[in-house]
Amino acid sequence: MKKNLLWMLAAWMLAMVTVSCSSDDNYVEEPMWPRLENGKVVMGSGASRAEIAYVPANMDELPEWLQKLILADGSQLVGYILCEGTWDGQHAYFFWHGFSSLLAGFYTYEGVQLASYLGKPNDPEFIEKGGSWDNWTCLAFHYPIGEADEGEEAEE
């Protein structure tokens, strides 16, 4: 019995060594946080990478409830993204801030939440109802941790 246990333990250790050894030669570190690259806001990396056209809007042009959302809850400290597009045939806003982690929301012009977003750019519901990020424009972006492209400020 002890002999079988020792053989099993040796086989398990050998398996762990071969599984844990891997090459990082092809690993390219790409930040996951939102960032500016070539005039676009980029979220995620690899297959979950999404690029959104960045056209900053004046705060005064936004609905009052959005202005309050941006200025409240410490959004200035942790970062936020505000985009405009179409959700399920309606003019909508997408708002994410750092305290919400990956959870964000789609809202009507009046501030009624249409749906939650769980951070999956290839989610079939998002593609069906939101049309993909190609159909959205980022109006406001602030992310204090992310790095701006070519020395630009990471604020609108």
N, C-alpha and C. Protein backbone atom coordinates (compact mmCIF):
# COMPACT_ATOMS: atom_id res chain seq x y z
N MET A 1 0.82 -1.20 0.00
CA MET A 1 0.00 0.00 0.00
C MET A 1 0.87 1.26 0.00
N LYS A 2 1.93 1.25 0.86
CA LYS A 2 2.82 2.41 0.92
C LYS A 2 3.53 2.60 -0.42
N LYS A 3 3.90 1.47 -1.05
CA LYS A 3 4.60 1.55 -2.32
C LYS A 3 3.70 2.18 -3.40
N ASN A 4 2.43 1.77 -3.42
CA ASN A 4 1.49 2.34 -4.39
C ASN A 4 1.28 3.82 -4.14
N LEU A 5 1.19 4.20 -2.88
CA LEU A 5 1.01 5.61 -2.52
C LEU A 5 2.22 6.44 -2.98
N LEU A 6 3.43 5.89 -2.77
CA LEU A 6 4.64 6.60 -3.20
C LEU A 6 4.68 6.75 -4.72
N TRP A 7 4.29 5.69 -5.46
CA TRP A 7 4.27 5.76 -6.91
C TRP A 7 3.26 6.80 -7.38
N MET A 8 2.10 6.83 -6.75
CA MET A 8 1.08 7.81 -7.13
C MET A 8 1.55 9.23 -6.84
N LEU A 9 2.20 9.40 -5.70
CA LEU A 9 2.73 10.71 -5.34
C LEU A 9 3.80 11.15 -6.33
N ALA A 10 4.69 10.23 -6.72
CA ALA A 10 5.75 10.55 -7.69
C ALA A 10 5.14 10.90 -9.05
N ALA A 11 4.14 10.15 -9.48
CA ALA A 11 3.48 10.44 -10.76
C ALA A 11 2.78 11.79 -10.71
N TRP A 12 2.13 12.10 -9.61
CA TRP A 12 1.45 13.38 -9.46
C TRP A 12 2.45 14.54 -9.50
N MET A 13 3.59 14.40 -8.82
CA MET A 13 4.62 15.46 -8.81
C MET A 13 5.20 15.65 -10.21
N LEU A 14 5.42 14.55 -10.94
CA LEU A 14 5.93 14.65 -12.31
C LEU A 14 4.92 15.37 -13.20
N ALA A 15 3.66 15.05 -13.03
CA ALA A 15 2.61 15.70 -13.81
C ALA A 15 2.56 17.19 -13.50
N MET A 16 2.68 17.56 -12.26
CA MET A 16 2.64 18.97 -11.88
C MET A 16 3.82 19.74 -12.47
N VAL A 17 5.00 19.13 -12.51
CA VAL A 17 6.18 19.79 -13.07
C VAL A 17 5.98 20.04 -14.55
N THR A 18 5.47 19.05 -15.28
CA THR A 18 5.30 19.24 -16.72
C THR A 18 4.17 20.21 -17.03
N VAL A 19 3.13 20.26 -16.21
CA VAL A 19 2.03 21.18 -16.44
C VAL A 19 2.43 22.61 -16.11
N SER A 20 3.22 22.78 -15.05
CA SER A 20 3.56 24.13 -14.60
C SER A 20 4.66 24.78 -15.41
N CYS A 21 5.37 24.04 -16.21
CA CYS A 21 6.43 24.61 -17.02
C CYS A 21 5.86 25.05 -18.36
N SER A 22 6.00 26.31 -18.66
CA SER A 22 5.55 26.81 -19.95
C SER A 22 6.45 27.95 -20.38
N SER A 23 6.44 28.22 -21.65
CA SER A 23 7.26 29.29 -22.19
C SER A 23 6.46 30.58 -22.26
N ASP A 24 7.07 31.67 -21.81
CA ASP A 24 6.43 32.97 -21.89
C ASP A 24 7.02 33.81 -23.01
N ASP A 25 7.75 33.15 -23.94
CA ASP A 25 8.40 33.87 -25.02
C ASP A 25 7.42 34.63 -25.89
N ASN A 26 6.23 34.08 -26.12
CA ASN A 26 5.25 34.71 -26.99
C ASN A 26 4.24 35.56 -26.24
N TYR A 27 4.44 35.73 -24.95
CA TYR A 27 3.50 36.48 -24.13
C TYR A 27 3.72 37.98 -24.32
N VAL A 28 2.69 38.68 -24.72
CA VAL A 28 2.75 40.13 -24.87
C VAL A 28 1.83 40.71 -23.81
N GLU A 29 2.41 41.49 -22.91
CA GLU A 29 1.60 42.07 -21.85
C GLU A 29 0.86 43.28 -22.39
N GLU A 30 -0.45 43.21 -22.38
CA GLU A 30 -1.29 44.31 -22.83
C GLU A 30 -2.21 44.67 -21.67
N PRO A 31 -2.25 45.93 -21.29
CA PRO A 31 -3.08 46.31 -20.14
C PRO A 31 -4.56 46.05 -20.37
N MET A 32 -5.26 45.68 -19.31
CA MET A 32 -6.69 45.41 -19.38
C MET A 32 -7.52 46.67 -19.13
N TRP A 33 -6.94 47.66 -18.45
CA TRP A 33 -7.73 48.84 -18.10
C TRP A 33 -8.02 49.68 -19.35
N PRO A 34 -9.07 50.49 -19.30
CA PRO A 34 -9.38 51.38 -20.43
C PRO A 34 -8.24 52.36 -20.65
N ARG A 35 -7.98 52.67 -21.92
CA ARG A 35 -6.87 53.56 -22.25
C ARG A 35 -7.14 54.23 -23.60
N LEU A 36 -6.42 55.31 -23.87
CA LEU A 36 -6.51 55.99 -25.16
C LEU A 36 -5.41 55.48 -26.07
N GLU A 37 -5.79 55.11 -27.30
CA GLU A 37 -4.82 54.72 -28.31
C GLU A 37 -5.29 55.27 -29.65
N ASN A 38 -4.49 56.15 -30.24
CA ASN A 38 -4.80 56.69 -31.57
C ASN A 38 -6.21 57.25 -31.69
N GLY A 39 -6.62 58.03 -30.73
CA GLY A 39 -7.92 58.69 -30.79
C GLY A 39 -9.10 57.79 -30.49
N LYS A 40 -8.84 56.60 -29.96
CA LYS A 40 -9.92 55.68 -29.59
C LYS A 40 -9.73 55.24 -28.16
N VAL A 41 -10.85 54.94 -27.50
CA VAL A 41 -10.79 54.36 -26.17
C VAL A 41 -10.74 52.85 -26.37
N VAL A 42 -9.77 52.20 -25.76
CA VAL A 42 -9.59 50.77 -25.89
C VAL A 42 -9.85 50.12 -24.54
N MET A 43 -10.68 49.08 -24.56
CA MET A 43 -10.97 48.32 -23.34
C MET A 43 -10.59 46.87 -23.60
N GLY A 44 -10.03 46.21 -22.59
CA GLY A 44 -9.70 44.80 -22.70
C GLY A 44 -8.49 44.55 -23.57
N SER A 45 -8.23 43.27 -23.85
CA SER A 45 -7.12 42.89 -24.70
C SER A 45 -7.43 41.57 -25.38
N GLY A 46 -6.64 41.23 -26.38
CA GLY A 46 -6.83 39.97 -27.09
C GLY A 46 -8.20 39.88 -27.72
N ALA A 47 -8.85 38.73 -27.54
CA ALA A 47 -10.18 38.50 -28.13
C ALA A 47 -11.24 39.40 -27.51
N SER A 48 -11.00 39.89 -26.29
CA SER A 48 -12.00 40.75 -25.65
C SER A 48 -11.69 42.24 -25.84
N ARG A 49 -10.80 42.56 -26.76
CA ARG A 49 -10.43 43.95 -27.03
C ARG A 49 -11.56 44.66 -27.78
N ALA A 50 -11.89 45.86 -27.34
CA ALA A 50 -12.91 46.67 -28.01
C ALA A 50 -12.38 48.08 -28.17
N GLU A 51 -12.53 48.66 -29.34
CA GLU A 51 -12.11 50.02 -29.62
C GLU A 51 -13.35 50.87 -29.88
N ILE A 52 -13.39 52.03 -29.25
CA ILE A 52 -14.54 52.93 -29.37
C ILE A 52 -14.04 54.30 -29.80
N ALA A 53 -14.62 54.87 -30.84
CA ALA A 53 -14.24 56.21 -31.29
C ALA A 53 -14.41 57.19 -30.13
N TYR A 54 -13.45 58.10 -29.95
CA TYR A 54 -13.46 59.05 -28.83
C TYR A 54 -13.68 60.46 -29.37
N VAL A 55 -14.86 61.02 -29.11
CA VAL A 55 -15.20 62.38 -29.50
C VAL A 55 -15.73 63.07 -28.24
N PRO A 56 -14.86 63.75 -27.49
CA PRO A 56 -15.26 64.34 -26.21
C PRO A 56 -16.42 65.34 -26.35
N ALA A 57 -17.36 65.26 -25.42
CA ALA A 57 -18.50 66.17 -25.39
C ALA A 57 -18.34 67.14 -24.22
N ASN A 58 -18.97 68.29 -24.34
CA ASN A 58 -18.99 69.23 -23.21
C ASN A 58 -19.93 68.69 -22.15
N MET A 59 -19.53 68.82 -20.91
CA MET A 59 -20.35 68.35 -19.80
C MET A 59 -21.73 69.01 -19.82
N ASP A 60 -21.79 70.29 -20.22
CA ASP A 60 -23.05 71.02 -20.24
C ASP A 60 -24.05 70.45 -21.24
N GLU A 61 -23.57 69.73 -22.25
CA GLU A 61 -24.44 69.18 -23.28
C GLU A 61 -25.09 67.85 -22.85
N LEU A 62 -24.60 67.27 -21.77
CA LEU A 62 -25.11 65.98 -21.30
C LEU A 62 -26.35 66.18 -20.44
N PRO A 63 -27.24 65.19 -20.40
CA PRO A 63 -28.39 65.28 -19.49
C PRO A 63 -27.92 65.47 -18.05
N GLU A 64 -28.72 66.18 -17.27
CA GLU A 64 -28.35 66.51 -15.89
C GLU A 64 -28.06 65.27 -15.05
N TRP A 65 -28.85 64.21 -15.22
CA TRP A 65 -28.65 62.99 -14.42
C TRP A 65 -27.29 62.36 -14.73
N LEU A 66 -26.81 62.48 -15.99
CA LEU A 66 -25.49 61.96 -16.34
C LEU A 66 -24.38 62.80 -15.72
N GLN A 67 -24.57 64.11 -15.72
CA GLN A 67 -23.59 64.98 -15.08
C GLN A 67 -23.43 64.61 -13.61
N LYS A 68 -24.56 64.38 -12.94
CA LYS A 68 -24.51 64.00 -11.52
C LYS A 68 -23.83 62.65 -11.33
N LEU A 69 -24.10 61.71 -12.23
CA LEU A 69 -23.51 60.39 -12.15
C LEU A 69 -21.99 60.46 -12.30
N ILE A 70 -21.53 61.29 -13.21
CA ILE A 70 -20.09 61.45 -13.44
C ILE A 70 -19.42 62.09 -12.24
N LEU A 71 -20.07 63.09 -11.64
CA LEU A 71 -19.46 63.82 -10.53
C LEU A 71 -19.65 63.14 -9.18
N ALA A 72 -20.54 62.16 -9.10
CA ALA A 72 -20.83 61.49 -7.82
C ALA A 72 -20.05 60.18 -7.70
N ASP A 73 -20.17 59.58 -6.54
CA ASP A 73 -19.64 58.25 -6.26
C ASP A 73 -18.14 58.11 -6.49
N GLY A 74 -17.40 59.19 -6.46
CA GLY A 74 -15.95 59.09 -6.61
C GLY A 74 -15.50 58.69 -7.99
N SER A 75 -16.34 58.88 -9.01
CA SER A 75 -15.97 58.50 -10.38
C SER A 75 -14.68 59.18 -10.83
N GLN A 76 -14.45 60.41 -10.35
CA GLN A 76 -13.24 61.13 -10.73
C GLN A 76 -11.99 60.43 -10.19
N LEU A 77 -12.13 59.74 -9.06
CA LEU A 77 -10.99 59.07 -8.45
C LEU A 77 -10.67 57.74 -9.10
N VAL A 78 -11.70 57.01 -9.48
CA VAL A 78 -11.49 55.65 -9.99
C VAL A 78 -11.64 55.53 -11.50
N GLY A 79 -12.14 56.54 -12.15
CA GLY A 79 -12.29 56.52 -13.60
C GLY A 79 -13.70 56.20 -14.05
N TYR A 80 -14.00 56.62 -15.27
CA TYR A 80 -15.31 56.36 -15.85
C TYR A 80 -15.23 56.44 -17.36
N ILE A 81 -16.23 55.86 -18.01
CA ILE A 81 -16.39 55.93 -19.45
C ILE A 81 -17.86 56.20 -19.73
N LEU A 82 -18.13 57.14 -20.61
CA LEU A 82 -19.49 57.44 -21.04
C LEU A 82 -19.53 57.37 -22.56
N CYS A 83 -20.40 56.52 -23.10
CA CYS A 83 -20.53 56.37 -24.55
C CYS A 83 -21.97 56.60 -24.96
N GLU A 84 -22.14 56.90 -26.25
CA GLU A 84 -23.47 57.15 -26.80
C GLU A 84 -23.65 56.28 -28.04
N GLY A 85 -24.83 55.69 -28.17
CA GLY A 85 -25.12 54.85 -29.32
C GLY A 85 -26.58 54.44 -29.32
N THR A 86 -26.84 53.25 -29.86
CA THR A 86 -28.20 52.73 -29.94
C THR A 86 -28.27 51.38 -29.25
N TRP A 87 -29.25 51.22 -28.38
CA TRP A 87 -29.49 49.96 -27.70
C TRP A 87 -30.92 49.53 -28.00
N ASP A 88 -31.06 48.43 -28.68
CA ASP A 88 -32.38 47.87 -29.00
C ASP A 88 -33.27 48.91 -29.68
N GLY A 89 -32.68 49.67 -30.62
CA GLY A 89 -33.44 50.64 -31.40
C GLY A 89 -33.65 51.98 -30.74
N GLN A 90 -33.14 52.17 -29.53
CA GLN A 90 -33.32 53.44 -28.81
C GLN A 90 -31.98 54.16 -28.65
N HIS A 91 -32.04 55.50 -28.72
CA HIS A 91 -30.86 56.30 -28.40
C HIS A 91 -30.50 55.99 -26.96
N ALA A 92 -29.24 55.67 -26.70
CA ALA A 92 -28.87 55.23 -25.35
C ALA A 92 -27.47 55.71 -24.98
N TYR A 93 -27.22 55.68 -23.68
CA TYR A 93 -25.91 55.97 -23.12
C TYR A 93 -25.40 54.72 -22.42
N PHE A 94 -24.09 54.52 -22.50
CA PHE A 94 -23.41 53.46 -21.76
C PHE A 94 -22.56 54.16 -20.71
N PHE A 95 -22.70 53.78 -19.44
CA PHE A 95 -21.89 54.40 -18.39
C PHE A 95 -21.24 53.32 -17.55
N TRP A 96 -19.91 53.44 -17.39
CA TRP A 96 -19.13 52.54 -16.54
C TRP A 96 -18.24 53.40 -15.66
N HIS A 97 -18.09 53.01 -14.40
CA HIS A 97 -17.10 53.65 -13.55
C HIS A 97 -16.36 52.60 -12.74
N GLY A 98 -15.18 52.95 -12.28
CA GLY A 98 -14.28 52.00 -11.63
C GLY A 98 -14.86 51.26 -10.45
N PHE A 99 -15.75 51.87 -9.69
CA PHE A 99 -16.34 51.19 -8.54
C PHE A 99 -17.27 50.07 -8.98
N SER A 100 -17.73 50.11 -10.24
CA SER A 100 -18.67 49.09 -10.69
C SER A 100 -17.96 47.85 -11.23
N SER A 101 -16.63 47.83 -11.21
CA SER A 101 -15.86 46.72 -11.74
C SER A 101 -16.22 46.51 -13.20
N LEU A 102 -16.67 45.32 -13.58
CA LEU A 102 -17.03 45.08 -14.98
C LEU A 102 -18.49 45.37 -15.26
N LEU A 103 -19.26 45.65 -14.22
CA LEU A 103 -20.68 45.88 -14.41
C LEU A 103 -20.92 47.34 -14.77
N ALA A 104 -21.64 47.56 -15.85
CA ALA A 104 -21.98 48.91 -16.30
C ALA A 104 -23.43 48.88 -16.76
N GLY A 105 -23.90 50.00 -17.28
CA GLY A 105 -25.30 50.02 -17.69
C GLY A 105 -25.56 50.81 -18.95
N PHE A 106 -26.66 50.46 -19.62
CA PHE A 106 -27.18 51.19 -20.76
C PHE A 106 -28.41 51.93 -20.29
N TYR A 107 -28.50 53.23 -20.61
CA TYR A 107 -29.57 54.09 -20.12
C TYR A 107 -30.20 54.87 -21.27
N THR A 108 -31.49 55.21 -21.11
CA THR A 108 -32.16 56.09 -22.06
C THR A 108 -31.72 57.53 -21.80
N TYR A 109 -32.14 58.44 -22.67
CA TYR A 109 -31.82 59.85 -22.50
C TYR A 109 -32.37 60.37 -21.17
N GLU A 110 -33.50 59.81 -20.73
CA GLU A 110 -34.14 60.23 -19.48
C GLU A 110 -33.50 59.60 -18.24
N GLY A 111 -32.60 58.64 -18.42
CA GLY A 111 -31.92 58.03 -17.29
C GLY A 111 -32.49 56.69 -16.84
N VAL A 112 -33.39 56.12 -17.61
CA VAL A 112 -33.96 54.81 -17.28
C VAL A 112 -32.98 53.73 -17.74
N GLN A 113 -32.61 52.83 -16.82
CA GLN A 113 -31.67 51.77 -17.18
C GLN A 113 -32.34 50.73 -18.07
N LEU A 114 -31.74 50.48 -19.23
CA LEU A 114 -32.27 49.51 -20.18
C LEU A 114 -31.70 48.12 -19.95
N ALA A 115 -30.42 48.06 -19.58
CA ALA A 115 -29.76 46.77 -19.39
C ALA A 115 -28.46 46.96 -18.63
N SER A 116 -27.99 45.87 -18.06
CA SER A 116 -26.66 45.85 -17.43
C SER A 116 -25.69 45.24 -18.42
N TYR A 117 -24.44 45.59 -18.27
CA TYR A 117 -23.40 45.08 -19.16
C TYR A 117 -22.35 44.42 -18.29
N LEU A 118 -22.01 43.18 -18.59
CA LEU A 118 -21.08 42.42 -17.76
C LEU A 118 -19.67 42.37 -18.33
N GLY A 119 -19.32 43.28 -19.22
CA GLY A 119 -17.94 43.37 -19.70
C GLY A 119 -17.56 42.35 -20.75
N LYS A 120 -18.50 41.86 -21.54
CA LYS A 120 -18.18 40.90 -22.59
C LYS A 120 -18.49 41.53 -23.95
N PRO A 121 -17.47 42.08 -24.65
CA PRO A 121 -17.73 42.76 -25.92
C PRO A 121 -18.35 41.87 -26.99
N ASN A 122 -18.17 40.57 -26.90
CA ASN A 122 -18.72 39.66 -27.90
C ASN A 122 -19.99 38.98 -27.43
N ASP A 123 -20.60 39.49 -26.38
CA ASP A 123 -21.85 38.94 -25.86
C ASP A 123 -22.92 39.03 -26.93
N PRO A 124 -23.60 37.90 -27.24
CA PRO A 124 -24.63 37.92 -28.30
C PRO A 124 -25.72 38.97 -28.07
N GLU A 125 -26.12 39.20 -26.81
CA GLU A 125 -27.16 40.21 -26.55
C GLU A 125 -26.64 41.60 -26.91
N PHE A 126 -25.38 41.88 -26.58
CA PHE A 126 -24.82 43.19 -26.91
C PHE A 126 -24.73 43.37 -28.43
N ILE A 127 -24.29 42.34 -29.14
CA ILE A 127 -24.19 42.44 -30.60
C ILE A 127 -25.57 42.64 -31.21
N GLU A 128 -26.58 41.92 -30.70
CA GLU A 128 -27.94 42.04 -31.23
C GLU A 128 -28.56 43.40 -30.92
N LYS A 129 -28.47 43.84 -29.67
CA LYS A 129 -29.17 45.06 -29.25
C LYS A 129 -28.31 46.32 -29.36
N GLY A 130 -26.99 46.19 -29.23
CA GLY A 130 -26.12 47.36 -29.27
C GLY A 130 -25.38 47.52 -30.57
N GLY A 131 -25.34 46.47 -31.39
CA GLY A 131 -24.74 46.56 -32.71
C GLY A 131 -23.23 46.47 -32.75
N SER A 132 -22.57 46.24 -31.64
CA SER A 132 -21.11 46.19 -31.47
C SER A 132 -20.58 47.58 -31.15
N TRP A 133 -19.37 47.64 -30.64
CA TRP A 133 -18.78 48.92 -30.23
C TRP A 133 -18.51 49.83 -31.42
N ASP A 134 -18.47 49.28 -32.63
CA ASP A 134 -18.24 50.12 -33.82
C ASP A 134 -19.34 51.17 -33.98
N ASN A 135 -20.51 50.91 -33.46
CA ASN A 135 -21.65 51.82 -33.60
C ASN A 135 -21.79 52.79 -32.42
N TRP A 136 -20.81 52.81 -31.53
CA TRP A 136 -20.87 53.67 -30.35
C TRP A 136 -19.75 54.70 -30.41
N THR A 137 -19.95 55.83 -29.72
CA THR A 137 -18.95 56.88 -29.62
C THR A 137 -18.72 57.19 -28.15
N CYS A 138 -17.46 57.25 -27.75
CA CYS A 138 -17.13 57.61 -26.37
C CYS A 138 -17.17 59.13 -26.25
N LEU A 139 -18.00 59.63 -25.31
CA LEU A 139 -18.17 61.06 -25.10
C LEU A 139 -17.32 61.60 -23.96
N ALA A 140 -17.05 60.76 -22.98
CA ALA A 140 -16.27 61.19 -21.81
C ALA A 140 -15.45 60.01 -21.33
N PHE A 141 -14.18 60.27 -21.05
CA PHE A 141 -13.26 59.23 -20.62
C PHE A 141 -12.30 59.81 -19.59
N HIS A 142 -12.21 59.15 -18.48
CA HIS A 142 -11.23 59.53 -17.46
C HIS A 142 -10.83 58.26 -16.74
N TYR A 143 -9.57 57.93 -16.80
CA TYR A 143 -9.09 56.75 -16.10
C TYR A 143 -7.71 57.06 -15.56
N PRO A 144 -7.60 57.34 -14.26
CA PRO A 144 -6.34 57.81 -13.70
C PRO A 144 -5.22 56.78 -13.74
N ILE A 145 -5.54 55.48 -13.83
CA ILE A 145 -4.50 54.45 -13.84
C ILE A 145 -3.97 54.22 -15.24
N GLY A 146 -4.85 54.29 -16.25
CA GLY A 146 -4.46 54.04 -17.64
C GLY A 146 -3.51 55.09 -18.15
N GLU A 147 -2.73 54.72 -19.14
CA GLU A 147 -1.78 55.65 -19.72
C GLU A 147 -2.35 56.23 -21.00
N ALA A 148 -2.19 57.53 -21.19
CA ALA A 148 -2.67 58.18 -22.41
C ALA A 148 -1.69 57.93 -23.54
N ASP A 149 -2.18 57.93 -24.75
CA ASP A 149 -1.36 57.72 -25.93
C ASP A 149 -0.59 58.99 -26.28
N GLU A 150 0.68 58.86 -26.58
CA GLU A 150 1.53 59.95 -27.04
C GLU A 150 1.45 61.19 -26.16
N GLY A 151 1.43 60.99 -24.85
CA GLY A 151 1.49 62.10 -23.92
C GLY A 151 0.21 62.87 -23.75
N GLU A 152 -0.90 62.40 -24.35
CA GLU A 152 -2.18 63.10 -24.17
C GLU A 152 -2.65 62.92 -22.74
N GLU A 153 -3.43 63.86 -22.26
CA GLU A 153 -4.05 63.69 -20.97
C GLU A 153 -5.15 62.64 -21.08
N ALA A 154 -5.33 61.83 -20.05
CA ALA A 154 -6.36 60.79 -20.07
C ALA A 154 -7.68 61.32 -19.55
N GLU A 155 -7.95 62.60 -19.78
CA GLU A 155 -9.22 63.20 -19.36
C GLU A 155 -9.83 63.92 -20.55
N GLU A 156 -11.14 64.13 -20.47
CA GLU A 156 -11.76 64.90 -21.55
C GLU A 156 -11.49 66.35 -21.38
